[in-house]
C-alpha cells in the first residue's frame, strides 16, 4: 500500500472514531437529560404527594377535633366532680348501669382493644374508664352480626374494651367517664362519633394512664 493510501486509510479511521465519539457523547447527553427530567418529575411528584398527604392528615385532625366538640345525640352525662375516685376492695353500688364512674378497684381491666366474652366486674371496668377508655357492653337483644361488628371495631381501637352485660336496659351501650350512650344497632353512626370523642377524651381523669397490664379475666 502506498503512503498516500495509508494516509487516507488512517484519516478515514480517525474520522470514523471521531464520529463514533460524537455519537457516544450525544447518547450520553440524551441520557443525562432523560435522567434529570425523570428525577425532576419524581421529586415534583413526591413533593406534590407529600403536600397532599399533609393536607389530608390536617383535614382528618380538624374533622376529629370538630367531632370531639359536638355533642353526641342521645348521650347522658353525669357531673364528673360528684363521681368518686377512691380505690376500694369491696363491691360498689353504682347509680347507673353500666357505671360511668365512681369508686373502683385498684386493678383496671386491660383495655387496649380488648374483647371479653364474659361479663366483667364493674369495679375494674370503671378504673379503665378513669384511664380514658370507652367500655362497650351489650345485652341479649344484640344480634350476632352487631356483636361481630363491635368486636372488630373495638379490637382495632386502643383504649377500648367490650363485654356482655345482660342486666343493662339498652341493647348496646357505650360508656366513658361521666357519659353514656345507648343504641340499638352497631351500624348507628353515633357509635363511631362516641368513640372519636371519648377515647382518651377531655373527660379522662387520668389522661395518658396505661390500658395495658390490667386484669384480663
C-alpha atoms as a PDB file:
ATOM      1  CA  UNK A   1       0.000   0.000   0.000  1.00  0.00           C
ATOM      2  CA  UNK A   2       1.354   3.407  -0.960  1.00  0.00           C
ATOM      3  CA  UNK A   3       1.947   6.146   1.562  1.00  0.00           C
ATOM      4  CA  UNK A   4      -0.922   8.093   0.066  1.00  0.00           C
ATOM      5  CA  UNK A   5      -3.281   5.186   0.536  1.00  0.00           C
ATOM      6  CA  UNK A   6      -2.051   4.573   4.096  1.00  0.00           C
ATOM      7  CA  UNK A   7      -2.576   8.224   4.953  1.00  0.00           C
ATOM      8  CA  UNK A   8      -6.082   8.161   3.508  1.00  0.00           C
ATOM      9  CA  UNK A   9      -6.912   4.981   5.440  1.00  0.00           C
ATOM     10  CA  UNK A  10      -5.570   6.492   8.676  1.00  0.00           C
ATOM     11  CA  UNK A  11      -7.624   9.654   8.166  1.00  0.00           C
ATOM     12  CA  UNK A  12     -10.709   7.564   7.480  1.00  0.00           C
ATOM     13  CA  UNK A  13     -10.187   5.597  10.709  1.00  0.00           C
ATOM     14  CA  UNK A  14      -9.727   8.798  12.704  1.00  0.00           C
ATOM     15  CA  UNK A  15     -12.854  10.262  11.132  1.00  0.00           C
ATOM     16  CA  UNK A  16     -14.804   7.119  11.936  1.00  0.00           C
ATOM     17  CA  UNK A  17     -13.523   7.097  15.532  1.00  0.00           C
ATOM     18  CA  UNK A  18     -14.427  10.780  15.925  1.00  0.00           C
ATOM     19  CA  UNK A  19     -17.870  10.118  14.500  1.00  0.00           C
ATOM     20  CA  UNK A  20     -18.341   7.262  16.987  1.00  0.00           C
ATOM     21  CA  UNK A  21     -17.229   9.546  19.815  1.00  0.00           C
ATOM     22  CA  UNK A  22     -19.738  12.186  18.704  1.00  0.00           C
ATOM     23  CA  UNK A  23     -22.497   9.594  18.678  1.00  0.00           C
ATOM     24  CA  UNK A  24     -21.461   8.389  22.142  1.00  0.00           C
ATOM     25  CA  UNK A  25     -21.343  11.949  23.533  1.00  0.00           C
ATOM     26  CA  UNK A  26     -24.761  12.658  22.047  1.00  0.00           C
ATOM     27  CA  UNK A  27     -26.135   9.480  23.633  1.00  0.00           C
ATOM     28  CA  UNK A  28     -24.662  10.427  26.997  1.00  0.00           C
ATOM     29  CA  UNK A  29     -26.229  13.894  26.731  1.00  0.00           C
ATOM     30  CA  UNK A  30     -29.620  12.372  25.956  1.00  0.00           C
ATOM     31  CA  UNK A  31     -29.303  10.004  28.915  1.00  0.00           C
ATOM     32  CA  UNK A  32     -28.402  12.885  31.227  1.00  0.00           C
ATOM     33  CA  UNK A  33     -31.369  14.900  30.006  1.00  0.00           C
ATOM     34  CA  UNK A  34     -33.698  11.937  30.459  1.00  0.00           C
ATOM     35  CA  UNK A  35     -32.307  11.253  33.947  1.00  0.00           C
ATOM     36  CA  UNK A  36     -32.623  14.884  35.009  1.00  0.00           C
ATOM     37  CA  UNK A  37     -36.146  15.118  33.588  1.00  0.00           C
ATOM     38  CA  UNK A  38     -37.287  11.938  35.313  1.00  0.00           C
ATOM     39  CA  UNK A  39     -35.678  12.988  38.577  1.00  0.00           C
ATOM     40  CA  UNK A  40     -37.417  16.352  38.392  1.00  0.00           C
ATOM     41  CA  UNK A  41     -40.755  14.693  37.717  1.00  0.00           C
ATOM     42  CA  UNK A  42     -40.274  12.191  40.552  1.00  0.00           C
ATOM     43  CA  UNK A  43     -39.216  14.862  43.035  1.00  0.00           C
ATOM     44  CA  UNK A  44     -42.100  17.067  41.949  1.00  0.00           C
ATOM     45  CA  UNK A  45     -44.493  14.149  42.330  1.00  0.00           C
ATOM     46  CA  UNK A  46     -43.161  13.319  45.766  1.00  0.00           C
ATOM     47  CA  UNK A  47     -43.472  16.937  46.855  1.00  0.00           C
ATOM     48  CA  UNK A  48     -46.994  17.065  45.490  1.00  0.00           C
ATOM     49  CA  UNK A  49     -47.936  13.794  47.182  1.00  0.00           C
ATOM     50  CA  UNK A  50     -46.313  14.914  50.403  1.00  0.00           C
ATOM     51  CA  UNK A  51     -48.335  18.110  50.322  1.00  0.00           C
ATOM     52  CA  UNK A  52     -51.497  16.143  49.620  1.00  0.00           C
ATOM     53  CA  UNK A  53     -50.764  13.702  52.443  1.00  0.00           C
ATOM     54  CA  UNK A  54     -50.080  16.544  54.888  1.00  0.00           C
ATOM     55  CA  UNK A  55     -53.264  18.330  53.863  1.00  0.00           C
ATOM     56  CA  UNK A  56     -55.252  15.107  54.205  1.00  0.00           C
ATOM     57  CA  UNK A  57     -53.773  14.463  57.663  1.00  0.00           C
ATOM     58  CA  UNK A  58     -54.535  18.028  58.723  1.00  0.00           C
ATOM     59  CA  UNK A  59     -58.089  17.740  57.436  1.00  0.00           C
ATOM     60  CA  UNK A  60     -58.569  14.472  59.322  1.00  0.00           C
ATOM     61  CA  UNK A  61     -57.274  16.038  62.539  1.00  0.00           C
ATOM     62  CA  UNK A  62     -59.570  19.020  62.053  1.00  0.00           C
ATOM     63  CA  UNK A  63     -62.546  16.720  61.464  1.00  0.00           C
ATOM     64  CA  UNK A  64     -61.717  14.729  64.579  1.00  0.00           C
ATOM     65  CA  UNK A  65     -61.330  17.919  66.615  1.00  0.00           C
ATOM     66  CA  UNK A  66     -64.680  19.160  65.333  1.00  0.00           C
ATOM     67  CA  UNK A  67     -66.310  15.815  66.131  1.00  0.00           C
ATOM     68  CA  UNK A  68     -64.856  15.923  69.640  1.00  0.00           C
ATOM     69  CA  UNK A  69     -66.588  19.260  70.286  1.00  0.00           C
ATOM     70  CA  UNK A  70     -70.011  18.228  69.022  1.00  0.00           C
ATOM     71  CA  UNK A  71     -72.426  16.634  71.483  1.00  0.00           C
ATOM     72  CA  UNK A  72     -73.479  13.082  70.695  1.00  0.00           C
ATOM     73  CA  UNK A  73     -77.233  12.928  70.206  1.00  0.00           C
ATOM     74  CA  UNK A  74     -78.900  10.955  72.979  1.00  0.00           C
ATOM     75  CA  UNK A  75     -75.911  10.742  75.309  1.00  0.00           C
ATOM     76  CA  UNK A  76     -76.425  11.039  79.052  1.00  0.00           C
ATOM     77  CA  UNK A  77     -73.929  12.815  81.277  1.00  0.00           C
ATOM     78  CA  UNK A  78     -73.202  12.951  84.990  1.00  0.00           C
ATOM     79  CA  UNK A  79     -71.309  15.539  86.990  1.00  0.00           C
ATOM     80  CA  UNK A  80     -67.750  14.186  86.944  1.00  0.00           C
ATOM     81  CA  UNK A  81     -66.952  16.097  90.138  1.00  0.00           C
ATOM     82  CA  UNK A  82     -69.513  14.024  92.020  1.00  0.00           C
ATOM     83  CA  UNK A  83     -68.126  10.691  90.840  1.00  0.00           C
ATOM     84  CA  UNK A  84     -65.843   9.185  93.475  1.00  0.00           C
ATOM     85  CA  UNK A  85     -62.348   8.062  92.522  1.00  0.00           C
ATOM     86  CA  UNK A  86     -61.294   6.169  95.616  1.00  0.00           C
ATOM     87  CA  UNK A  87     -59.778   2.687  95.426  1.00  0.00           C
ATOM     88  CA  UNK A  88     -61.894   0.179  97.316  1.00  0.00           C
ATOM     89  CA  UNK A  89     -61.742  -3.560  97.936  1.00  0.00           C
ATOM     90  CA  UNK A  90     -65.486  -4.116  98.251  1.00  0.00           C
ATOM     91  CA  UNK A  91     -68.322  -4.099  95.729  1.00  0.00           C
ATOM     92  CA  UNK A  92     -69.695  -0.678  94.817  1.00  0.00           C
ATOM     93  CA  UNK A  93     -73.373   0.181  94.359  1.00  0.00           C
ATOM     94  CA  UNK A  94     -73.340   2.479  91.333  1.00  0.00           C
ATOM     95  CA  UNK A  95     -76.070   4.959  90.436  1.00  0.00           C
ATOM     96  CA  UNK A  96     -76.189   3.857  86.782  1.00  0.00           C
ATOM     97  CA  UNK A  97     -75.839   0.585  84.906  1.00  0.00           C
ATOM     98  CA  UNK A  98     -73.335   0.123  83.425  1.00  0.00           C
ATOM     99  CA  UNK A  99     -71.453   2.573  85.652  1.00  0.00           C
ATOM    100  CA  UNK A 100     -69.662   5.576  84.174  1.00  0.00           C
ATOM    101  CA  UNK A 101     -67.518   6.461  87.158  1.00  0.00           C
ATOM    102  CA  UNK A 102     -67.198   6.315  90.903  1.00  0.00           C
ATOM    103  CA  UNK A 103     -65.100   4.482  93.457  1.00  0.00           C
ATOM    104  CA  UNK A 104     -63.447   1.431  91.979  1.00  0.00           C
ATOM    105  CA  UNK A 105     -60.992  -1.403  92.425  1.00  0.00           C
ATOM    106  CA  UNK A 106     -57.307  -0.538  92.226  1.00  0.00           C
ATOM    107  CA  UNK A 107     -56.904  -3.034  89.361  1.00  0.00           C
ATOM    108  CA  UNK A 108     -58.207  -1.970  85.965  1.00  0.00           C
ATOM    109  CA  UNK A 109     -59.384  -4.230  83.173  1.00  0.00           C
ATOM    110  CA  UNK A 110     -56.938  -4.384  80.294  1.00  0.00           C
ATOM    111  CA  UNK A 111     -58.470  -2.043  77.742  1.00  0.00           C
ATOM    112  CA  UNK A 112     -56.161  -1.916  74.726  1.00  0.00           C
ATOM    113  CA  UNK A 113     -58.853  -3.009  72.292  1.00  0.00           C
ATOM    114  CA  UNK A 114     -59.787  -5.996  74.443  1.00  0.00           C
ATOM    115  CA  UNK A 115     -62.924  -8.034  73.766  1.00  0.00           C
ATOM    116  CA  UNK A 116     -64.210 -10.089  76.711  1.00  0.00           C
ATOM    117  CA  UNK A 117     -66.692 -12.878  76.009  1.00  0.00           C
ATOM    118  CA  UNK A 118     -67.943 -12.989  79.594  1.00  0.00           C
ATOM    119  CA  UNK A 119     -69.192 -10.261  81.972  1.00  0.00           C
ATOM    120  CA  UNK A 120     -66.518  -8.366  83.857  1.00  0.00           C
ATOM    121  CA  UNK A 121     -66.594  -6.666  87.252  1.00  0.00           C
ATOM    122  CA  UNK A 122     -67.910  -3.103  87.241  1.00  0.00           C
ATOM    123  CA  UNK A 123     -65.306  -2.027  89.780  1.00  0.00           C
ATOM    124  CA  UNK A 124     -62.442  -2.979  87.461  1.00  0.00           C
ATOM    125  CA  UNK A 125     -64.065  -1.628  84.293  1.00  0.00           C
ATOM    126  CA  UNK A 126     -64.681   1.747  85.947  1.00  0.00           C
ATOM    127  CA  UNK A 127     -60.964   2.001  86.642  1.00  0.00           C
ATOM    128  CA  UNK A 128     -60.420   1.539  82.879  1.00  0.00           C
ATOM    129  CA  UNK A 129     -62.801   4.432  82.234  1.00  0.00           C
ATOM    130  CA  UNK A 130     -60.701   6.552  84.582  1.00  0.00           C
ATOM    131  CA  UNK A 131     -57.755   5.870  82.246  1.00  0.00           C
ATOM    132  CA  UNK A 132     -59.703   7.221  79.277  1.00  0.00           C
ATOM    133  CA  UNK A 133     -61.176   4.006  77.886  1.00  0.00           C
ATOM    134  CA  UNK A 134     -64.597   3.547  76.315  1.00  0.00           C
ATOM    135  CA  UNK A 135     -66.435   0.461  77.532  1.00  0.00           C
ATOM    136  CA  UNK A 136     -68.789  -1.179  75.040  1.00  0.00           C
ATOM    137  CA  UNK A 137     -71.419  -3.515  76.506  1.00  0.00           C
ATOM    138  CA  UNK A 138     -74.382  -5.372  75.027  1.00  0.00           C
ATOM    139  CA  UNK A 139     -77.331  -7.442  76.216  1.00  0.00           C
ATOM    140  CA  UNK A 140     -79.230 -10.408  74.784  1.00  0.00           C
ATOM    141  CA  UNK A 141     -81.067  -8.224  72.270  1.00  0.00           C
ATOM    142  CA  UNK A 142     -77.835  -7.579  70.316  1.00  0.00           C
ATOM    143  CA  UNK A 143     -77.568  -9.667  67.156  1.00  0.00           C
ATOM    144  CA  UNK A 144     -74.592 -11.859  66.348  1.00  0.00           C
ATOM    145  CA  UNK A 145     -73.805  -9.559  63.402  1.00  0.00           C
ATOM    146  CA  UNK A 146     -73.789  -6.499  65.665  1.00  0.00           C
ATOM    147  CA  UNK A 147     -71.543  -8.242  68.184  1.00  0.00           C
ATOM    148  CA  UNK A 148     -69.088  -9.179  65.416  1.00  0.00           C
ATOM    149  CA  UNK A 149     -69.091  -5.621  64.071  1.00  0.00           C
ATOM    150  CA  UNK A 150     -68.469  -4.145  67.505  1.00  0.00           C
ATOM    151  CA  UNK A 151     -65.788  -6.719  68.326  1.00  0.00           C
ATOM    152  CA  UNK A 152     -63.961  -5.876  65.127  1.00  0.00           C
ATOM    153  CA  UNK A 153     -64.159  -2.149  65.824  1.00  0.00           C
ATOM    154  CA  UNK A 154     -63.041  -2.478  69.442  1.00  0.00           C
ATOM    155  CA  UNK A 155     -60.152  -4.820  68.627  1.00  0.00           C
ATOM    156  CA  UNK A 156     -58.749  -2.153  66.303  1.00  0.00           C
ATOM    157  CA  UNK A 157     -59.164   0.719  68.779  1.00  0.00           C
ATOM    158  CA  UNK A 158     -56.702   1.200  71.660  1.00  0.00           C
ATOM    159  CA  UNK A 159     -58.254   2.369  74.935  1.00  0.00           C
ATOM    160  CA  UNK A 160     -61.465   0.406  74.451  1.00  0.00           C
ATOM    161  CA  UNK A 161     -62.899  -2.764  75.928  1.00  0.00           C
ATOM    162  CA  UNK A 162     -66.049  -4.764  75.319  1.00  0.00           C
ATOM    163  CA  UNK A 163     -68.082  -7.280  77.306  1.00  0.00           C
ATOM    164  CA  UNK A 164     -71.616  -8.669  77.601  1.00  0.00           C
ATOM    165  CA  UNK A 165     -73.965  -7.268  80.248  1.00  0.00           C
ATOM    166  CA  UNK A 166     -77.379  -8.897  80.385  1.00  0.00           C
ATOM    167  CA  UNK A 167     -78.514  -6.577  83.197  1.00  0.00           C
ATOM    168  CA  UNK A 168     -78.371  -3.356  81.156  1.00  0.00           C
ATOM    169  CA  UNK A 169     -81.536  -1.949  79.593  1.00  0.00           C
ATOM    170  CA  UNK A 170     -80.020  -0.709  76.329  1.00  0.00           C
ATOM    171  CA  UNK A 171     -79.178  -3.171  73.563  1.00  0.00           C
ATOM    172  CA  UNK A 172     -75.719  -1.661  73.040  1.00  0.00           C
ATOM    173  CA  UNK A 173     -74.200   0.793  75.497  1.00  0.00           C
ATOM    174  CA  UNK A 174     -71.022   2.853  75.227  1.00  0.00           C
ATOM    175  CA  UNK A 175     -69.671   4.253  78.470  1.00  0.00           C
ATOM    176  CA  UNK A 176     -66.914   6.754  79.169  1.00  0.00           C
ATOM    177  CA  UNK A 177     -66.107   8.538  82.409  1.00  0.00           C
ATOM    178  CA  UNK A 178     -69.189  10.633  83.213  1.00  0.00           C
ATOM    179  CA  UNK A 179     -71.084   9.945  79.982  1.00  0.00           C
ATOM    180  CA  UNK A 180     -73.020   7.160  78.280  1.00  0.00           C
ATOM    181  CA  UNK A 181     -74.868   6.363  75.065  1.00  0.00           C
ATOM    182  CA  UNK A 182     -77.275   3.525  74.220  1.00  0.00           C
ATOM    183  CA  UNK A 183     -78.052   2.463  70.639  1.00  0.00           C
ATOM    184  CA  UNK A 184     -79.972  -0.374  69.033  1.00  0.00           C
ATOM    185  CA  UNK A 185     -77.572  -1.265  66.214  1.00  0.00           C
ATOM    186  CA  UNK A 186     -73.807  -1.354  65.748  1.00  0.00           C
ATOM    187  CA  UNK A 187     -74.294   0.492  62.454  1.00  0.00           C
ATOM    188  CA  UNK A 188     -75.583   3.593  64.256  1.00  0.00           C
ATOM    189  CA  UNK A 189     -73.161   6.408  63.239  1.00  0.00           C
ATOM    190  CA  UNK A 190     -73.161   7.675  66.818  1.00  0.00           C
ATOM    191  CA  UNK A 191     -71.038   4.665  67.804  1.00  0.00           C
ATOM    192  CA  UNK A 192     -68.098   5.994  65.794  1.00  0.00           C
ATOM    193  CA  UNK A 193     -68.818   9.547  66.961  1.00  0.00           C
ATOM    194  CA  UNK A 194     -68.785   8.469  70.604  1.00  0.00           C
ATOM    195  CA  UNK A 195     -65.511   6.588  70.194  1.00  0.00           C
ATOM    196  CA  UNK A 196     -63.908   9.517  68.378  1.00  0.00           C
ATOM    197  CA  UNK A 197     -64.968  11.938  71.083  1.00  0.00           C
ATOM    198  CA  UNK A 198     -64.342   9.945  74.237  1.00  0.00           C
ATOM    199  CA  UNK A 199     -61.434   7.549  73.659  1.00  0.00           C
ATOM    200  CA  UNK A 200     -58.742   9.389  75.652  1.00  0.00           C
ATOM    201  CA  UNK A 201     -61.082  12.354  75.505  1.00  0.00           C
ATOM    202  CA  UNK A 202     -61.243  15.552  77.533  1.00  0.00           C
ATOM    203  CA  UNK A 203     -63.368  13.797  80.187  1.00  0.00           C
ATOM    204  CA  UNK A 204     -60.482  11.468  81.143  1.00  0.00           C
ATOM    205  CA  UNK A 205     -59.438  11.945  84.808  1.00  0.00           C
ATOM    206  CA  UNK A 206     -56.073  10.211  84.289  1.00  0.00           C
ATOM    207  CA  UNK A 207     -55.183  11.125  80.735  1.00  0.00           C
ATOM    208  CA  UNK A 208     -52.341   9.022  79.375  1.00  0.00           C
ATOM    209  CA  UNK A 209     -52.566   6.311  82.033  1.00  0.00           C
ATOM    210  CA  UNK A 210     -51.951   2.878  80.573  1.00  0.00           C
ATOM    211  CA  UNK A 211     -54.647   0.471  79.460  1.00  0.00           C
ATOM    212  CA  UNK A 212     -52.226  -2.458  79.320  1.00  0.00           C
ATOM    213  CA  UNK A 213     -51.153  -4.705  82.146  1.00  0.00           C
ATOM    214  CA  UNK A 214     -54.515  -4.885  83.892  1.00  0.00           C
ATOM    215  CA  UNK A 215     -56.798  -7.812  84.602  1.00  0.00           C
ATOM    216  CA  UNK A 216     -57.688  -9.993  81.637  1.00  0.00           C
ATOM    217  CA  UNK A 217     -60.499 -12.141  83.078  1.00  0.00           C
END
